[in-house]
Amino acid sequence: MELIKKYDITVLCNPGVESAQMLTPENSRSEKVSVTKVSVMPGAEQPRHKHYTSEQVWVAVQGRGVLLLADDKEVPFEAGDVVRFAEKEIHGLRNMGPEIFEYICISTPPMNFAYAYMQAR
């Protein structure tokens, strides 16, 4: 058993987006998975991007957004929905609602997302 206390969780920040690094190789003994909680402010977005070595599952927890996919495709994504992205699959998210959009991201193999954010707290 391994318990990660909230004060051991680093939060990575970009304008309008926060990513709490809940379970990562940096704060745990996890070798096969990382788990983050991402909060996207109203009107903010995570631009389209891809990961070359990790598969991801996103579980929408709160709010209403739009998945930003390849070829400028956009798909509604809201609380209760689950989506899986294969490695190298283009994805991003825009918050279309009036409240904070939150989702849990599970990545395997685990990822260190610090490269994608401007600051950490």
PDB file of N, CA and C in Angstrom:
ATOM      1  N   MET A   1       0.855  -1.172   0.000  1.00  0.00           N
ATOM      2  CA  MET A   1       0.000   0.000   0.000  1.00  0.00           C
ATOM      3  C   MET A   1       0.896   1.229   0.000  1.00  0.00           C
ATOM      4  N   GLU A   2       0.448   2.216  -0.716  1.00  0.00           N
ATOM      5  CA  GLU A   2       1.188   3.475  -0.769  1.00  0.00           C
ATOM      6  C   GLU A   2       0.187   4.623  -0.749  1.00  0.00           C
ATOM      7  N   LEU A   3       0.326   5.523   0.201  1.00  0.00           N
ATOM      8  CA  LEU A   3      -0.566   6.670   0.361  1.00  0.00           C
ATOM      9  C   LEU A   3       0.188   7.938  -0.012  1.00  0.00           C
ATOM     10  N   ILE A   4      -0.380   8.719  -0.909  1.00  0.00           N
ATOM     11  CA  ILE A   4       0.203  10.000  -1.298  1.00  0.00           C
ATOM     12  C   ILE A   4      -0.609  11.091  -0.599  1.00  0.00           C
ATOM     13  N   LYS A   5       0.024  11.859   0.257  1.00  0.00           N
ATOM     14  CA  LYS A   5      -0.662  12.936   0.973  1.00  0.00           C
ATOM     15  C   LYS A   5      -0.750  14.173   0.076  1.00  0.00           C
ATOM     16  N   LYS A   6      -1.800  14.957   0.265  1.00  0.00           N
ATOM     17  CA  LYS A   6      -2.036  16.108  -0.604  1.00  0.00           C
ATOM     18  C   LYS A   6      -0.874  17.094  -0.617  1.00  0.00           C
ATOM     19  N   TYR A   7      -0.127  17.208   0.468  1.00  0.00           N
ATOM     20  CA  TYR A   7       1.009  18.138   0.484  1.00  0.00           C
ATOM     21  C   TYR A   7       2.212  17.598  -0.284  1.00  0.00           C
ATOM     22  N   ASP A   8       2.152  16.347  -0.733  1.00  0.00           N
ATOM     23  CA  ASP A   8       3.209  15.771  -1.568  1.00  0.00           C
ATOM     24  C   ASP A   8       2.865  15.827  -3.056  1.00  0.00           C
ATOM     25  N   ILE A   9       1.746  16.467  -3.380  1.00  0.00           N
ATOM     26  CA  ILE A   9       1.290  16.547  -4.768  1.00  0.00           C
ATOM     27  C   ILE A   9       1.698  17.897  -5.359  1.00  0.00           C
ATOM     28  N   THR A  10       2.512  17.852  -6.395  1.00  0.00           N
ATOM     29  CA  THR A  10       2.920  19.061  -7.108  1.00  0.00           C
ATOM     30  C   THR A  10       1.813  19.465  -8.075  1.00  0.00           C
ATOM     31  N   VAL A  11       1.546  20.761  -8.167  1.00  0.00           N
ATOM     32  CA  VAL A  11       0.573  21.278  -9.128  1.00  0.00           C
ATOM     33  C   VAL A  11       1.340  22.064 -10.187  1.00  0.00           C
ATOM     34  N   LEU A  12       1.214  21.619 -11.432  1.00  0.00           N
ATOM     35  CA  LEU A  12       1.836  22.303 -12.565  1.00  0.00           C
ATOM     36  C   LEU A  12       0.833  23.301 -13.138  1.00  0.00           C
ATOM     37  N   CYS A  13       1.315  24.478 -13.565  1.00  0.00           N
ATOM     38  CA  CYS A  13       0.406  25.551 -13.974  1.00  0.00           C
ATOM     39  C   CYS A  13       0.795  26.177 -15.308  1.00  0.00           C
ATOM     40  N   ASN A  14      -0.205  26.389 -16.126  1.00  0.00           N
ATOM     41  CA  ASN A  14      -0.160  27.231 -17.317  1.00  0.00           C
ATOM     42  C   ASN A  14      -1.323  28.202 -17.185  1.00  0.00           C
ATOM     43  N   PRO A  15      -1.362  29.284 -17.941  1.00  0.00           N
ATOM     44  CA  PRO A  15      -2.513  30.183 -17.850  1.00  0.00           C
ATOM     45  C   PRO A  15      -3.827  29.432 -18.100  1.00  0.00           C
ATOM     46  N   GLY A  16      -4.709  29.443 -17.103  1.00  0.00           N
ATOM     47  CA  GLY A  16      -6.017  28.814 -17.230  1.00  0.00           C
ATOM     48  C   GLY A  16      -6.052  27.313 -17.037  1.00  0.00           C
ATOM     49  N   VAL A  17      -4.905  26.680 -16.767  1.00  0.00           N
ATOM     50  CA  VAL A  17      -4.860  25.218 -16.620  1.00  0.00           C
ATOM     51  C   VAL A  17      -3.952  24.851 -15.446  1.00  0.00           C
ATOM     52  N   GLU A  18      -4.455  23.966 -14.566  1.00  0.00           N
ATOM     53  CA  GLU A  18      -3.650  23.420 -13.477  1.00  0.00           C
ATOM     54  C   GLU A  18      -3.703  21.903 -13.545  1.00  0.00           C
ATOM     55  N   SER A  19      -2.559  21.267 -13.294  1.00  0.00           N
ATOM     56  CA  SER A  19      -2.472  19.811 -13.354  1.00  0.00           C
ATOM     57  C   SER A  19      -1.832  19.292 -12.073  1.00  0.00           C
ATOM     58  N   ALA A  20      -2.647  18.720 -11.192  1.00  0.00           N
ATOM     59  CA  ALA A  20      -2.155  18.148  -9.938  1.00  0.00           C
ATOM     60  C   ALA A  20      -1.564  16.774 -10.239  1.00  0.00           C
ATOM     61  N   GLN A  21      -0.277  16.615  -9.953  1.00  0.00           N
ATOM     62  CA  GLN A  21       0.448  15.372 -10.239  1.00  0.00           C
ATOM     63  C   GLN A  21       0.218  14.401  -9.085  1.00  0.00           C
ATOM     64  N   MET A  22      -0.931  13.724  -9.087  1.00  0.00           N
ATOM     65  CA  MET A  22      -1.392  12.945  -7.946  1.00  0.00           C
ATOM     66  C   MET A  22      -0.544  11.703  -7.670  1.00  0.00           C
ATOM     67  N   LEU A  23      -0.211  10.965  -8.710  1.00  0.00           N
ATOM     68  CA  LEU A  23       0.595   9.750  -8.559  1.00  0.00           C
ATOM     69  C   LEU A  23       1.569   9.705  -9.722  1.00  0.00           C
ATOM     70  N   THR A  24       2.833   9.867  -9.426  1.00  0.00           N
ATOM     71  CA  THR A  24       3.864   9.877 -10.463  1.00  0.00           C
ATOM     72  C   THR A  24       5.102   9.167  -9.933  1.00  0.00           C
ATOM     73  N   PRO A  25       6.025   8.806 -10.799  1.00  0.00           N
ATOM     74  CA  PRO A  25       7.273   8.228 -10.306  1.00  0.00           C
ATOM     75  C   PRO A  25       8.048   9.200  -9.404  1.00  0.00           C
ATOM     76  N   GLU A  26       7.755  10.497  -9.503  1.00  0.00           N
ATOM     77  CA  GLU A  26       8.443  11.486  -8.675  1.00  0.00           C
ATOM     78  C   GLU A  26       7.945  11.500  -7.232  1.00  0.00           C
ATOM     79  N   ASN A  27       6.682  11.116  -6.982  1.00  0.00           N
ATOM     80  CA  ASN A  27       6.173  11.144  -5.608  1.00  0.00           C
ATOM     81  C   ASN A  27       5.738   9.772  -5.097  1.00  0.00           C
ATOM     82  N   SER A  28       6.071   8.721  -5.853  1.00  0.00           N
ATOM     83  CA  SER A  28       5.658   7.372  -5.461  1.00  0.00           C
ATOM     84  C   SER A  28       6.627   6.340  -6.039  1.00  0.00           C
ATOM     85  N   ARG A  29       6.302   5.088  -5.777  1.00  0.00           N
ATOM     86  CA  ARG A  29       7.085   3.994  -6.361  1.00  0.00           C
ATOM     87  C   ARG A  29       6.451   3.481  -7.659  1.00  0.00           C
ATOM     88  N   SER A  30       5.484   4.206  -8.180  1.00  0.00           N
ATOM     89  CA  SER A  30       4.784   3.782  -9.394  1.00  0.00           C
ATOM     90  C   SER A  30       5.742   3.675 -10.581  1.00  0.00           C
ATOM     91  N   GLU A  31       5.708   2.532 -11.231  1.00  0.00           N
ATOM     92  CA  GLU A  31       6.534   2.311 -12.418  1.00  0.00           C
ATOM     93  C   GLU A  31       5.706   2.130 -13.682  1.00  0.00           C
ATOM     94  N   LYS A  32       4.387   1.950 -13.530  1.00  0.00           N
ATOM     95  CA  LYS A  32       3.567   1.607 -14.690  1.00  0.00           C
ATOM     96  C   LYS A  32       2.478   2.612 -15.023  1.00  0.00           C
ATOM     97  N   VAL A  33       2.196   3.547 -14.111  1.00  0.00           N
ATOM     98  CA  VAL A  33       1.085   4.465 -14.365  1.00  0.00           C
ATOM     99  C   VAL A  33       1.333   5.802 -13.657  1.00  0.00           C
ATOM    100  N   SER A  34       0.806   6.874 -14.250  1.00  0.00           N
ATOM    101  CA  SER A  34       0.735   8.160 -13.553  1.00  0.00           C
ATOM    102  C   SER A  34      -0.719   8.621 -13.588  1.00  0.00           C
ATOM    103  N   VAL A  35      -1.112   9.365 -12.544  1.00  0.00           N
ATOM    104  CA  VAL A  35      -2.477   9.866 -12.427  1.00  0.00           C
ATOM    105  C   VAL A  35      -2.400  11.354 -12.110  1.00  0.00           C
ATOM    106  N   THR A  36      -3.118  12.154 -12.889  1.00  0.00           N
ATOM    107  CA  THR A  36      -3.172  13.590 -12.651  1.00  0.00           C
ATOM    108  C   THR A  36      -4.625  14.050 -12.623  1.00  0.00           C
ATOM    109  N   LYS A  37      -4.872  15.166 -11.925  1.00  0.00           N
ATOM    110  CA  LYS A  37      -6.187  15.809 -11.965  1.00  0.00           C
ATOM    111  C   LYS A  37      -5.981  17.157 -12.631  1.00  0.00           C
ATOM    112  N   VAL A  38      -6.630  17.353 -13.768  1.00  0.00           N
ATOM    113  CA  VAL A  38      -6.450  18.571 -14.553  1.00  0.00           C
ATOM    114  C   VAL A  38      -7.689  19.456 -14.403  1.00  0.00           C
ATOM    115  N   SER A  39      -7.458  20.735 -14.108  1.00  0.00           N
ATOM    116  CA  SER A  39      -8.526  21.728 -13.980  1.00  0.00           C
ATOM    117  C   SER A  39      -8.325  22.784 -15.061  1.00  0.00           C
ATOM    118  N   VAL A  40      -9.361  22.967 -15.887  1.00  0.00           N
ATOM    119  CA  VAL A  40      -9.300  23.926 -16.990  1.00  0.00           C
ATOM    120  C   VAL A  40     -10.353  25.006 -16.718  1.00  0.00           C
ATOM    121  N   MET A  41      -9.902  26.246 -16.612  1.00  0.00           N
ATOM    122  CA  MET A  41     -10.798  27.352 -16.298  1.00  0.00           C
ATOM    123  C   MET A  41     -11.736  27.651 -17.476  1.00  0.00           C
ATOM    124  N   PRO A  42     -12.894  28.278 -17.212  1.00  0.00           N
ATOM    125  CA  PRO A  42     -13.819  28.616 -18.294  1.00  0.00           C
ATOM    126  C   PRO A  42     -13.121  29.403 -19.404  1.00  0.00           C
ATOM    127  N   GLY A  43     -13.317  28.956 -20.643  1.00  0.00           N
ATOM    128  CA  GLY A  43     -12.731  29.610 -21.809  1.00  0.00           C
ATOM    129  C   GLY A  43     -11.292  29.228 -22.102  1.00  0.00           C
ATOM    130  N   ALA A  44     -10.629  28.540 -21.174  1.00  0.00           N
ATOM    131  CA  ALA A  44      -9.225  28.148 -21.377  1.00  0.00           C
ATOM    132  C   ALA A  44      -9.158  26.828 -22.142  1.00  0.00           C
ATOM    133  N   GLU A  45      -7.956  26.516 -22.631  1.00  0.00           N
ATOM    134  CA  GLU A  45      -7.793  25.250 -23.347  1.00  0.00           C
ATOM    135  C   GLU A  45      -6.390  24.695 -23.194  1.00  0.00           C
ATOM    136  N   GLN A  46      -6.308  23.403 -23.407  1.00  0.00           N
ATOM    137  CA  GLN A  46      -5.034  22.711 -23.585  1.00  0.00           C
ATOM    138  C   GLN A  46      -4.908  22.509 -25.085  1.00  0.00           C
ATOM    139  N   PRO A  47      -3.908  23.085 -25.713  1.00  0.00           N
ATOM    140  CA  PRO A  47      -3.792  22.958 -27.168  1.00  0.00           C
ATOM    141  C   PRO A  47      -3.592  21.506 -27.604  1.00  0.00           C
ATOM    142  N   ARG A  48      -3.898  21.259 -28.856  1.00  0.00           N
ATOM    143  CA  ARG A  48      -3.673  19.926 -29.424  1.00  0.00           C
ATOM    144  C   ARG A  48      -2.203  19.539 -29.257  1.00  0.00           C
ATOM    145  N   HIS A  49      -1.984  18.272 -28.898  1.00  0.00           N
ATOM    146  CA  HIS A  49      -0.637  17.746 -28.703  1.00  0.00           C
ATOM    147  C   HIS A  49      -0.710  16.226 -28.781  1.00  0.00           C
ATOM    148  N   LYS A  50       0.429  15.562 -28.681  1.00  0.00           N
ATOM    149  CA  LYS A  50       0.443  14.101 -28.630  1.00  0.00           C
ATOM    150  C   LYS A  50       1.606  13.647 -27.767  1.00  0.00           C
ATOM    151  N   HIS A  51       1.494  12.415 -27.287  1.00  0.00           N
ATOM    152  CA  HIS A  51       2.538  11.796 -26.472  1.00  0.00           C
ATOM    153  C   HIS A  51       3.067  10.602 -27.255  1.00  0.00           C
ATOM    154  N   TYR A  52       4.359  10.523 -27.380  1.00  0.00           N
ATOM    155  CA  TYR A  52       4.959   9.516 -28.255  1.00  0.00           C
ATOM    156  C   TYR A  52       5.061   8.133 -27.632  1.00  0.00           C
ATOM    157  N   THR A  53       4.977   8.041 -26.309  1.00  0.00           N
ATOM    158  CA  THR A  53       5.188   6.725 -25.692  1.00  0.00           C
ATOM    159  C   THR A  53       4.089   6.294 -24.738  1.00  0.00           C
ATOM    160  N   SER A  54       3.116   7.144 -24.451  1.00  0.00           N
ATOM    161  CA  SER A  54       2.100   6.807 -23.448  1.00  0.00           C
ATOM    162  C   SER A  54       0.692   6.806 -24.017  1.00  0.00           C
ATOM    163  N   GLU A  55      -0.095   5.869 -23.524  1.00  0.00           N
ATOM    164  CA  GLU A  55      -1.539   5.836 -23.748  1.00  0.00           C
ATOM    165  C   GLU A  55      -2.171   6.590 -22.586  1.00  0.00           C
ATOM    166  N   GLN A  56      -3.290   7.295 -22.845  1.00  0.00           N
ATOM    167  CA  GLN A  56      -3.970   8.030 -21.784  1.00  0.00           C
ATOM    168  C   GLN A  56      -5.457   7.712 -21.766  1.00  0.00           C
ATOM    169  N   VAL A  57      -6.015   7.727 -20.555  1.00  0.00           N
ATOM    170  CA  VAL A  57      -7.456   7.658 -20.349  1.00  0.00           C
ATOM    171  C   VAL A  57      -7.837   8.899 -19.560  1.00  0.00           C
ATOM    172  N   TRP A  58      -8.836   9.628 -20.049  1.00  0.00           N
ATOM    173  CA  TRP A  58      -9.355  10.794 -19.346  1.00  0.00           C
ATOM    174  C   TRP A  58     -10.760  10.469 -18.848  1.00  0.00           C
ATOM    175  N   VAL A  59     -11.036  10.789 -17.582  1.00  0.00           N
ATOM    176  CA  VAL A  59     -12.353  10.628 -16.982  1.00  0.00           C
ATOM    177  C   VAL A  59     -12.839  12.025 -16.602  1.00  0.00           C
ATOM    178  N   ALA A  60     -13.862  12.511 -17.290  1.00  0.00           N
ATOM    179  CA  ALA A  60     -14.401  13.847 -17.009  1.00  0.00           C
ATOM    180  C   ALA A  60     -15.170  13.806 -15.690  1.00  0.00           C
ATOM    181  N   VAL A  61     -14.790  14.683 -14.766  1.00  0.00           N
ATOM    182  CA  VAL A  61     -15.367  14.693 -13.427  1.00  0.00           C
ATOM    183  C   VAL A  61     -16.370  15.829 -13.256  1.00  0.00           C
ATOM    184  N   GLN A  62     -16.078  16.975 -13.852  1.00  0.00           N
ATOM    185  CA  GLN A  62     -16.924  18.156 -13.661  1.00  0.00           C
ATOM    186  C   GLN A  62     -16.870  19.042 -14.894  1.00  0.00           C
ATOM    187  N   GLY A  63     -18.025  19.552 -15.284  1.00  0.00           N
ATOM    188  CA  GLY A  63     -18.070  20.552 -16.345  1.00  0.00           C
ATOM    189  C   GLY A  63     -18.364  20.003 -17.730  1.00  0.00           C
ATOM    190  N   ARG A  64     -18.165  20.892 -18.703  1.00  0.00           N
ATOM    191  CA  ARG A  64     -18.486  20.595 -20.093  1.00  0.00           C
ATOM    192  C   ARG A  64     -17.387  21.170 -20.966  1.00  0.00           C
ATOM    193  N   GLY A  65     -16.851  20.353 -21.831  1.00  0.00           N
ATOM    194  CA  GLY A  65     -15.779  20.810 -22.701  1.00  0.00           C
ATOM    195  C   GLY A  65     -15.879  20.211 -24.086  1.00  0.00           C
ATOM    196  N   VAL A  66     -14.839  20.460 -24.866  1.00  0.00           N
ATOM    197  CA  VAL A  66     -14.750  19.930 -26.223  1.00  0.00           C
ATOM    198  C   VAL A  66     -13.361  19.324 -26.386  1.00  0.00           C
ATOM    199  N   LEU A  67     -13.314  18.072 -26.846  1.00  0.00           N
ATOM    200  CA  LEU A  67     -12.039  17.447 -27.181  1.00  0.00           C
ATOM    201  C   LEU A  67     -11.553  18.021 -28.497  1.00  0.00           C
ATOM    202  N   LEU A  68     -10.298  18.390 -28.551  1.00  0.00           N
ATOM    203  CA  LEU A  68      -9.678  18.926 -29.762  1.00  0.00           C
ATOM    204  C   LEU A  68      -8.838  17.814 -30.370  1.00  0.00           C
ATOM    205  N   LEU A  69      -9.270  17.305 -31.519  1.00  0.00           N
ATOM    206  CA  LEU A  69      -8.637  16.139 -32.123  1.00  0.00           C
ATOM    207  C   LEU A  69      -7.946  16.507 -33.433  1.00  0.00           C
ATOM    208  N   ALA A  70      -7.373  15.512 -34.085  1.00  0.00           N
ATOM    209  CA  ALA A  70      -6.678  15.719 -35.365  1.00  0.00           C
ATOM    210  C   ALA A  70      -7.647  16.269 -36.416  1.00  0.00           C
ATOM    211  N   ASP A  71      -7.087  16.903 -37.430  1.00  0.00           N
ATOM    212  CA  ASP A  71      -7.857  17.440 -38.555  1.00  0.00           C
ATOM    213  C   ASP A  71      -8.925  18.433 -38.106  1.00  0.00           C
ATOM    214  N   ASP A  72      -8.644  19.184 -37.046  1.00  0.00           N
ATOM    215  CA  ASP A  72      -9.552  20.204 -36.503  1.00  0.00           C
ATOM    216  C   ASP A  72     -10.893  19.647 -36.041  1.00  0.00           C
ATOM    217  N   LYS A  73     -10.965  18.350 -35.797  1.00  0.00           N
ATOM    218  CA  LYS A  73     -12.201  17.737 -35.305  1.00  0.00           C
ATOM    219  C   LYS A  73     -12.395  18.112 -33.841  1.00  0.00           C
ATOM    220  N   GLU A  74     -13.655  18.379 -33.466  1.00  0.00           N
ATOM    221  CA  GLU A  74     -14.020  18.699 -32.093  1.00  0.00           C
ATOM    222  C   GLU A  74     -15.183  17.810 -31.672  1.00  0.00           C
ATOM    223  N   VAL A  75     -15.089  17.244 -30.462  1.00  0.00           N
ATOM    224  CA  VAL A  75     -16.099  16.315 -29.952  1.00  0.00           C
ATOM    225  C   VAL A  75     -16.486  16.741 -28.534  1.00  0.00           C
ATOM    226  N   PRO A  76     -17.789  16.880 -28.238  1.00  0.00           N
ATOM    227  CA  PRO A  76     -18.204  17.244 -26.880  1.00  0.00           C
ATOM    228  C   PRO A  76     -17.704  16.220 -25.853  1.00  0.00           C
ATOM    229  N   PHE A  77     -17.319  16.719 -24.674  1.00  0.00           N
ATOM    230  CA  PHE A  77     -16.798  15.881 -23.587  1.00  0.00           C
ATOM    231  C   PHE A  77     -17.278  16.501 -22.282  1.00  0.00           C
ATOM    232  N   GLU A  78     -18.046  15.742 -21.496  1.00  0.00           N
ATOM    233  CA  GLU A  78     -18.632  16.314 -20.284  1.00  0.00           C
ATOM    234  C   GLU A  78     -18.554  15.336 -19.125  1.00  0.00           C
ATOM    235  N   ALA A  79     -18.856  15.847 -17.929  1.00  0.00           N
ATOM    236  CA  ALA A  79     -18.776  15.052 -16.705  1.00  0.00           C
ATOM    237  C   ALA A  79     -19.451  13.699 -16.904  1.00  0.00           C
ATOM    238  N   GLY A  80     -18.740  12.637 -16.517  1.00  0.00           N
ATOM    239  CA  GLY A  80     -19.234  11.272 -16.662  1.00  0.00           C
ATOM    240  C   GLY A  80     -18.696  10.555 -17.882  1.00  0.00           C
ATOM    241  N   ASP A  81     -18.170  11.295 -18.861  1.00  0.00           N
ATOM    242  CA  ASP A  81     -17.603  10.684 -20.073  1.00  0.00           C
ATOM    243  C   ASP A  81     -16.190  10.173 -19.806  1.00  0.00           C
ATOM    244  N   VAL A  82     -15.792   9.170 -20.576  1.00  0.00           N
ATOM    245  CA  VAL A  82     -14.444   8.601 -20.524  1.00  0.00           C
ATOM    246  C   VAL A  82     -13.927   8.512 -21.956  1.00  0.00           C
ATOM    247  N   VAL A  83     -12.656   8.885 -22.157  1.00  0.00           N
ATOM    248  CA  VAL A  83     -12.051   8.794 -23.484  1.00  0.00           C
ATOM    249  C   VAL A  83     -10.654   8.198 -23.345  1.00  0.00           C
ATOM    250  N   ARG A  84     -10.239   7.414 -24.335  1.00  0.00           N
ATOM    251  CA  ARG A  84      -8.891   6.841 -24.372  1.00  0.00           C
ATOM    252  C   ARG A  84      -8.170   7.368 -25.601  1.00  0.00           C
ATOM    253  N   PHE A  85      -6.915   7.755 -25.404  1.00  0.00           N
ATOM    254  CA  PHE A  85      -6.058   8.196 -26.500  1.00  0.00           C
ATOM    255  C   PHE A  85      -4.889   7.232 -26.616  1.00  0.00           C
ATOM    256  N   ALA A  86      -4.686   6.701 -27.816  1.00  0.00           N
ATOM    257  CA  ALA A  86      -3.526   5.849 -28.066  1.00  0.00           C
ATOM    258  C   ALA A  86      -2.278   6.721 -28.117  1.00  0.00           C
ATOM    259  N   GLU A  87      -1.120   6.116 -27.958  1.00  0.00           N
ATOM    260  CA  GLU A  87       0.117   6.890 -28.111  1.00  0.00           C
ATOM    261  C   GLU A  87       0.144   7.496 -29.505  1.00  0.00           C
ATOM    262  N   LYS A  88       0.679   8.686 -29.610  1.00  0.00           N
ATOM    263  CA  LYS A  88       0.806   9.460 -30.850  1.00  0.00           C
ATOM    264  C   LYS A  88      -0.523  10.010 -31.380  1.00  0.00           C
ATOM    265  N   GLU A  89      -1.630   9.821 -30.656  1.00  0.00           N
ATOM    266  CA  GLU A  89      -2.925  10.342 -31.096  1.00  0.00           C
ATOM    267  C   GLU A  89      -3.071  11.802 -30.642  1.00  0.00           C
ATOM    268  N   ILE A  90      -3.387  12.676 -31.559  1.00  0.00           N
ATOM    269  CA  ILE A  90      -3.522  14.103 -31.256  1.00  0.00           C
ATOM    270  C   ILE A  90      -4.770  14.338 -30.408  1.00  0.00           C
ATOM    271  N   HIS A  91      -4.596  15.153 -29.355  1.00  0.00           N
ATOM    272  CA  HIS A  91      -5.712  15.463 -28.468  1.00  0.00           C
ATOM    273  C   HIS A  91      -5.447  16.772 -27.728  1.00  0.00           C
ATOM    274  N   GLY A  92      -6.510  17.395 -27.280  1.00  0.00           N
ATOM    275  CA  GLY A  92      -6.469  18.602 -26.471  1.00  0.00           C
ATOM    276  C   GLY A  92      -7.863  18.834 -25.928  1.00  0.00           C
ATOM    277  N   LEU A  93      -8.070  19.944 -25.227  1.00  0.00           N
ATOM    278  CA  LEU A  93      -9.374  20.187 -24.626  1.00  0.00           C
ATOM    279  C   LEU A  93      -9.620  21.684 -24.483  1.00  0.00           C
ATOM    280  N   ARG A  94     -10.849  22.094 -24.744  1.00  0.00           N
ATOM    281  CA  ARG A  94     -11.287  23.476 -24.502  1.00  0.00           C
ATOM    282  C   ARG A  94     -12.475  23.424 -23.549  1.00  0.00           C
ATOM    283  N   ASN A  95     -12.449  24.264 -22.518  1.00  0.00           N
ATOM    284  CA  ASN A  95     -13.576  24.361 -21.595  1.00  0.00           C
ATOM    285  C   ASN A  95     -14.612  25.294 -22.201  1.00  0.00           C
ATOM    286  N   MET A  96     -15.779  24.755 -22.507  1.00  0.00           N
ATOM    287  CA  MET A  96     -16.848  25.529 -23.137  1.00  0.00           C
ATOM    288  C   MET A  96     -17.901  26.004 -22.136  1.00  0.00           C
ATOM    289  N   GLY A  97     -17.783  25.559 -20.888  1.00  0.00           N
ATOM    290  CA  GLY A  97     -18.824  25.868 -19.916  1.00  0.00           C
ATOM    291  C   GLY A  97     -18.484  27.031 -19.006  1.00  0.00           C
ATOM    292  N   PRO A  98     -19.421  27.386 -18.127  1.00  0.00           N
ATOM    293  CA  PRO A  98     -19.227  28.503 -17.208  1.00  0.00           C
ATOM    294  C   PRO A  98     -18.480  28.127 -15.927  1.00  0.00           C
ATOM    295  N   GLU A  99     -18.226  26.827 -15.727  1.00  0.00           N
ATOM    296  CA  GLU A  99     -17.543  26.380 -14.510  1.00  0.00           C
ATOM    297  C   GLU A  99     -16.205  25.732 -14.864  1.00  0.00           C
ATOM    298  N   ILE A 100     -15.403  25.480 -13.856  1.00  0.00           N
ATOM    299  CA  ILE A 100     -14.130  24.789 -14.062  1.00  0.00           C
ATOM    300  C   ILE A 100     -14.412  23.391 -14.601  1.00  0.00           C
ATOM    301  N   PHE A 101     -13.672  22.996 -15.630  1.00  0.00           N
ATOM    302  CA  PHE A 101     -13.756  21.635 -16.167  1.00  0.00           C
ATOM    303  C   PHE A 101     -12.640  20.832 -15.515  1.00  0.00           C
ATOM    304  N   GLU A 102     -12.980  19.688 -14.922  1.00  0.00           N
ATOM    305  CA  GLU A 102     -11.975  18.831 -14.293  1.00  0.00           C
ATOM    306  C   GLU A 102     -12.041  17.432 -14.866  1.00  0.00           C
ATOM    307  N   TYR A 103     -10.856  16.855 -15.068  1.00  0.00           N
ATOM    308  CA  TYR A 103     -10.791  15.458 -15.461  1.00  0.00           C
ATOM    309  C   TYR A 103      -9.590  14.791 -14.814  1.00  0.00           C
ATOM    310  N   ILE A 104      -9.711  13.494 -14.649  1.00  0.00           N
ATOM    311  CA  ILE A 104      -8.609  12.664 -14.162  1.00  0.00           C
ATOM    312  C   ILE A 104      -7.947  12.059 -15.391  1.00  0.00           C
ATOM    313  N   CYS A 105      -6.623  12.133 -15.434  1.00  0.00           N
ATOM    314  CA  CYS A 105      -5.843  11.579 -16.543  1.00  0.00           C
ATOM    315  C   CYS A 105      -4.984  10.435 -16.018  1.00  0.00           C
ATOM    316  N   ILE A 106      -5.134   9.268 -16.620  1.00  0.00           N
ATOM    317  CA  ILE A 106      -4.317   8.104 -16.291  1.00  0.00           C
ATOM    318  C   ILE A 106      -3.419   7.833 -17.487  1.00  0.00           C
ATOM    319  N   SER A 107      -2.106   7.808 -17.268  1.00  0.00           N
ATOM    320  CA  SER A 107      -1.133   7.600 -18.352  1.00  0.00           C
ATOM    321  C   SER A 107      -0.301   6.362 -18.074  1.00  0.00           C
ATOM    322  N   THR A 108      -0.115   5.549 -19.119  1.00  0.00           N
ATOM    323  CA  THR A 108       0.759   4.390 -18.997  1.00  0.00           C
ATOM    324  C   THR A 108       1.547   4.213 -20.283  1.00  0.00           C
ATOM    325  N   PRO A 109       2.852   4.056 -20.219  1.00  0.00           N
ATOM    326  CA  PRO A 109       3.653   4.164 -18.999  1.00  0.00           C
ATOM    327  C   PRO A 109       3.572   5.572 -18.426  1.00  0.00           C
ATOM    328  N   PRO A 110       4.028   5.753 -17.179  1.00  0.00           N
ATOM    329  CA  PRO A 110       3.895   7.051 -16.526  1.00  0.00           C
ATOM    330  C   PRO A 110       4.651   8.153 -17.248  1.00  0.00           C
ATOM    331  N   MET A 111       4.160   9.366 -17.055  1.00  0.00           N
ATOM    332  CA  MET A 111       4.776  10.531 -17.699  1.00  0.00           C
ATOM    333  C   MET A 111       5.106  11.594 -16.659  1.00  0.00           C
ATOM    334  N   ASN A 112       6.147  12.348 -16.920  1.00  0.00           N
ATOM    335  CA  ASN A 112       6.450  13.557 -16.166  1.00  0.00           C
ATOM    336  C   ASN A 112       6.016  14.718 -17.059  1.00  0.00           C
ATOM    337  N   PHE A 113       4.980  15.434 -16.648  1.00  0.00           N
ATOM    338  CA  PHE A 113       4.387  16.483 -17.477  1.00  0.00           C
ATOM    339  C   PHE A 113       5.030  17.855 -17.279  1.00  0.00           C
ATOM    340  N   ALA A 114       6.070  17.941 -16.478  1.00  0.00           N
ATOM    341  CA  ALA A 114       6.682  19.241 -16.171  1.00  0.00           C
ATOM    342  C   ALA A 114       7.119  19.991 -17.428  1.00  0.00           C
ATOM    343  N   TYR A 115       7.513  19.266 -18.468  1.00  0.00           N
ATOM    344  CA  TYR A 115       7.980  19.917 -19.705  1.00  0.00           C
ATOM    345  C   TYR A 115       6.887  20.766 -20.359  1.00  0.00           C
ATOM    346  N   ALA A 116       5.626  20.461 -20.087  1.00  0.00           N
ATOM    347  CA  ALA A 116       4.512  21.112 -20.772  1.00  0.00           C
ATOM    348  C   ALA A 116       3.927  22.295 -19.997  1.00  0.00           C
ATOM    349  N   TYR A 117       4.462  22.576 -18.810  1.00  0.00           N
ATOM    350  CA  TYR A 117       3.902  23.631 -17.965  1.00  0.00           C
ATOM    351  C   TYR A 117       4.950  24.685 -17.633  1.00  0.00           C
ATOM    352  N   MET A 118       4.478  25.911 -17.423  1.00  0.00           N
ATOM    353  CA  MET A 118       5.370  27.042 -17.189  1.00  0.00           C
ATOM    354  C   MET A 118       5.873  27.120 -15.748  1.00  0.00           C
ATOM    355  N   GLN A 119       5.058  26.650 -14.790  1.00  0.00           N
ATOM    356  CA  GLN A 119       5.486  26.731 -13.399  1.00  0.00           C
ATOM    357  C   GLN A 119       4.902  25.594 -12.575  1.00  0.00           C
ATOM    358  N   ALA A 120       5.477  25.411 -11.384  1.00  0.00           N
ATOM    359  CA  ALA A 120       5.016  24.378 -10.454  1.00  0.00           C
ATOM    360  C   ALA A 120       4.868  25.006  -9.075  1.00  0.00           C
ATOM    361  N   ARG A 121       3.910  24.481  -8.331  1.00  0.00           N
ATOM    362  CA  ARG A 121       3.766  24.914  -6.933  1.00  0.00           C
ATOM    363  C   ARG A 121       3.432  23.717  -6.070  1.00  0.00           C
TER     364      ARG A 121
END
